Amino acid sequence: MNTIEQIKALEHRQHELKATMQKSDEHALKCAKSGLNFKKTYPDDWAAYEAARVEYNENETALAALYGQLEAERQAEESAQAEMTAATGMEG
């Protein structure tokens, strides 16, 4: 899988994780309005939220690294093209 495909896959996963966290946010808000403890009232949602949050944050770090890698790849490609153009120009 190339860098762009890796970025797309992680961004897709981030959207899924956001949906999980938003669902949990709705229950947390309901609990806050009712004076209930979210963690005790919806333990499965709380656990899902915590797991999604941790993965989301890890993915953000991975995405930053992938975007850096993508930029390095683009710069390397541009340099290679410039070198090829210079070499072709010198021969002609």
Protein backbone atom coordinates (compact mmCIF):
# COMPACT_ATOMS: atom_id res chain seq x y z
CA MET A 1 0.00 0.00 0.00
CA ASN A 2 1.52 3.32 -1.01
CA THR A 3 1.55 6.43 1.17
CA ILE A 4 -1.57 8.01 -0.35
CA GLU A 5 -3.53 4.78 0.09
CA GLN A 6 -2.37 4.56 3.71
CA ILE A 7 -3.50 8.15 4.32
CA LYS A 8 -6.90 7.49 2.75
CA ALA A 9 -7.39 4.33 4.81
CA LEU A 10 -6.49 6.11 8.05
CA GLU A 11 -8.69 9.10 7.23
CA HIS A 12 -11.59 6.73 6.59
CA ARG A 13 -10.95 5.06 9.93
CA GLN A 14 -10.88 8.48 11.59
CA HIS A 15 -14.40 9.17 10.29
CA GLU A 16 -15.59 5.86 11.74
CA LEU A 17 -14.02 6.67 15.09
CA LYS A 18 -15.60 10.13 15.11
CA ALA A 19 -19.01 8.52 14.57
CA THR A 20 -18.41 6.21 17.54
CA MET A 21 -17.38 9.13 19.73
CA GLN A 22 -20.36 11.24 18.61
CA LYS A 23 -22.78 8.45 19.50
CA SER A 24 -21.22 8.29 22.95
CA ASP A 25 -21.34 12.09 23.22
CA GLU A 26 -25.12 11.95 22.81
CA HIS A 27 -25.44 9.55 25.73
CA ALA A 28 -22.96 11.56 27.82
CA LEU A 29 -25.01 14.72 27.24
CA LYS A 30 -28.21 12.88 28.19
CA CYS A 31 -26.54 11.73 31.42
CA ALA A 32 -25.21 15.20 32.17
CA LYS A 33 -28.68 16.68 31.78
CA SER A 34 -30.18 13.96 33.99
CA GLY A 35 -27.45 14.04 36.61
CA LEU A 36 -26.41 10.47 35.83
CA ASN A 37 -22.91 9.05 35.68
CA PHE A 38 -22.19 8.30 32.01
CA LYS A 39 -19.58 5.64 32.77
CA LYS A 40 -21.95 3.74 35.07
CA THR A 41 -25.14 4.29 33.02
CA TYR A 42 -23.66 3.35 29.63
CA PRO A 43 -20.53 1.31 30.40
CA ASP A 44 -20.32 -0.16 26.89
CA ASP A 45 -20.60 3.27 25.27
CA TRP A 46 -18.04 4.68 27.66
CA ALA A 47 -15.62 1.86 26.86
CA ALA A 48 -16.22 2.29 23.12
CA TYR A 49 -15.63 6.04 23.43
CA GLU A 50 -12.39 5.58 25.35
CA ALA A 51 -11.10 2.99 22.87
CA ALA A 52 -12.08 5.18 19.91
CA ARG A 53 -10.44 8.24 21.48
CA VAL A 54 -7.16 6.41 22.07
CA GLU A 55 -7.10 4.98 18.53
CA TYR A 56 -8.11 8.35 17.05
CA ASN A 57 -5.21 10.10 18.79
CA GLU A 58 -2.76 7.40 17.69
CA ASN A 59 -4.01 7.69 14.12
CA GLU A 60 -3.54 11.46 14.19
CA THR A 61 0.13 10.90 15.02
CA ALA A 62 0.41 8.31 12.25
CA LEU A 63 -1.30 10.64 9.76
CA ALA A 64 1.12 13.44 10.59
CA ALA A 65 4.03 11.09 9.91
CA LEU A 66 2.45 9.90 6.65
CA TYR A 67 1.88 13.45 5.45
CA GLY A 68 5.53 14.17 6.22
CA GLN A 69 6.54 11.04 4.30
CA LEU A 70 4.32 12.05 1.37
CA GLU A 71 5.95 15.48 1.24
CA ALA A 72 9.41 13.88 1.30
CA GLU A 73 8.39 11.56 -1.53
CA ARG A 74 7.13 14.50 -3.58
CA GLN A 75 10.33 16.44 -3.00
CA ALA A 76 12.42 13.43 -3.99
CA GLU A 77 10.34 13.00 -7.14
CA GLU A 78 10.73 16.67 -8.02
CA SER A 79 14.49 16.46 -7.47
CA ALA A 80 14.74 13.36 -9.64
CA GLN A 81 12.74 15.09 -12.39
CA ALA A 82 14.93 18.19 -12.13
CA GLU A 83 18.07 16.07 -12.37
CA MET A 84 16.65 14.23 -15.38
CA THR A 85 15.74 17.50 -17.06
CA ALA A 86 19.21 18.91 -16.36
CA ALA A 87 20.89 15.77 -17.68
CA THR A 88 18.72 15.76 -20.80
CA GLY A 89 19.39 19.45 -21.37
CA MET A 90 23.13 18.92 -21.06
CA GLU A 91 23.09 16.13 -23.60
CA GLY A 92 21.10 18.09 -26.16
